[in-house]
Amino acid sequence: MPPFHASQTCAACSRADPQSRKGCGRLFACAHCGHEDDADHNASVEIEARARQGGTSHALRAMGEGGSVNNSTRRHPLVPESRPPAEADA
């Protein structure tokens, strides 16, 4: 999943703004909604959200399509549980 602007995109409101990462420090502070988080954690949540949405671009999210998640992959496995093969009709 391309991390384009993930370090500048808020995992809470999905707005991308370079002002949210002043000085490239460890703190992410959204210039729009005020959400604060560790910069790496915020970016990882944003990248996970993109992966779950099949790579929805920032431009589509800005138009109201898609959005971010605020959860962990540990709660929802990325690979669905396998099912036994269906029995063939004889």
Protein backbone atom coordinates (compact mmCIF):
# COMPACT_ATOMS: atom_id res chain seq x y z
CA MET A 1 0.00 0.00 0.00
CA PRO A 2 1.62 3.30 -1.03
CA PRO A 3 2.21 5.52 2.02
CA PHE A 4 1.66 8.76 0.02
CA HIS A 5 0.92 11.55 2.54
CA ALA A 6 0.22 8.99 5.32
CA SER A 7 2.47 10.93 7.69
CA GLN A 8 0.43 14.09 7.07
CA THR A 9 -3.05 12.52 7.06
CA CYS A 10 -5.14 12.37 10.21
CA ALA A 11 -6.39 8.89 11.13
CA ALA A 12 -9.40 10.47 12.86
CA CYS A 13 -10.71 12.89 10.19
CA SER A 14 -8.77 11.84 7.04
CA ARG A 15 -7.57 15.38 6.29
CA ALA A 16 -4.04 15.72 4.92
CA ASP A 17 -2.11 18.82 5.95
CA PRO A 18 1.67 19.32 6.21
CA GLN A 19 1.02 21.63 9.22
CA SER A 20 0.01 18.52 11.20
CA ARG A 21 3.68 17.40 11.25
CA LYS A 22 5.57 20.57 12.18
CA GLY A 23 9.31 19.96 12.16
CA CYS A 24 8.88 16.23 11.41
CA GLY A 25 8.78 15.49 15.13
CA ARG A 26 7.35 12.37 16.76
CA LEU A 27 4.01 14.06 17.47
CA PHE A 28 1.17 14.17 14.98
CA ALA A 29 -1.27 16.98 15.80
CA CYS A 30 -4.09 17.41 13.28
CA ALA A 31 -4.45 21.04 12.21
CA HIS A 32 -8.16 20.44 11.47
CA CYS A 33 -9.72 18.32 14.24
CA GLY A 34 -7.05 18.51 16.97
CA HIS A 35 -6.40 14.73 17.09
CA GLU A 36 -2.97 13.99 18.62
CA ASP A 37 -1.02 10.74 18.40
CA ASP A 38 2.46 9.35 17.92
CA ALA A 39 3.28 10.15 14.28
CA ASP A 40 4.23 6.57 13.38
CA HIS A 41 1.10 5.13 14.97
CA ASN A 42 -1.15 7.65 13.24
CA ALA A 43 0.44 6.86 9.86
CA SER A 44 0.13 3.10 10.42
CA VAL A 45 -3.59 3.44 11.22
CA GLU A 46 -4.06 5.54 8.07
CA ILE A 47 -2.20 2.99 5.91
CA GLU A 48 -4.31 0.18 7.41
CA ALA A 49 -7.48 2.12 6.59
CA ARG A 50 -6.34 2.51 2.98
CA ALA A 51 -5.60 -1.20 2.74
CA ARG A 52 -9.02 -2.12 4.11
CA GLN A 53 -10.64 0.16 1.55
CA GLY A 54 -8.72 -1.37 -1.32
CA GLY A 55 -6.34 1.56 -1.66
CA THR A 56 -8.90 4.38 -1.73
CA SER A 57 -7.01 7.52 -2.67
CA HIS A 58 -6.82 10.63 -0.53
CA ALA A 59 -8.60 12.57 -3.29
CA LEU A 60 -11.64 10.28 -3.08
CA ARG A 61 -11.70 10.52 0.72
CA ALA A 62 -11.51 14.31 0.48
CA MET A 63 -14.69 14.18 -1.61
CA GLY A 64 -16.40 12.11 1.08
CA GLU A 65 -15.73 8.65 -0.32
CA GLY A 66 -14.15 6.27 2.17
CA GLY A 67 -12.55 7.28 5.46
CA SER A 68 -10.20 6.10 8.14
CA VAL A 69 -10.54 3.52 10.86
CA ASN A 70 -9.49 3.88 14.46
CA ASN A 71 -8.90 0.27 15.38
CA SER A 72 -6.21 -2.38 15.21
CA THR A 73 -5.71 -5.30 12.84
CA ARG A 74 -5.50 -7.51 15.92
CA ARG A 75 -9.26 -7.08 16.38
CA HIS A 76 -10.09 -7.81 12.74
CA PRO A 77 -7.76 -10.23 10.90
CA LEU A 78 -6.89 -9.16 7.36
CA VAL A 79 -7.22 -12.74 6.08
CA PRO A 80 -10.68 -14.26 6.50
CA GLU A 81 -10.96 -17.61 8.20
CA SER A 82 -10.83 -20.51 5.75
CA ARG A 83 -13.99 -22.51 5.13
CA PRO A 84 -14.20 -26.19 4.27
CA PRO A 85 -14.82 -26.85 0.54
CA ALA A 86 -18.45 -27.28 -0.45
CA GLU A 87 -19.53 -30.82 -1.13
CA ALA A 88 -20.17 -31.60 -4.79
CA ASP A 89 -23.65 -32.80 -5.77
CA ALA A 90 -23.50 -36.38 -7.02
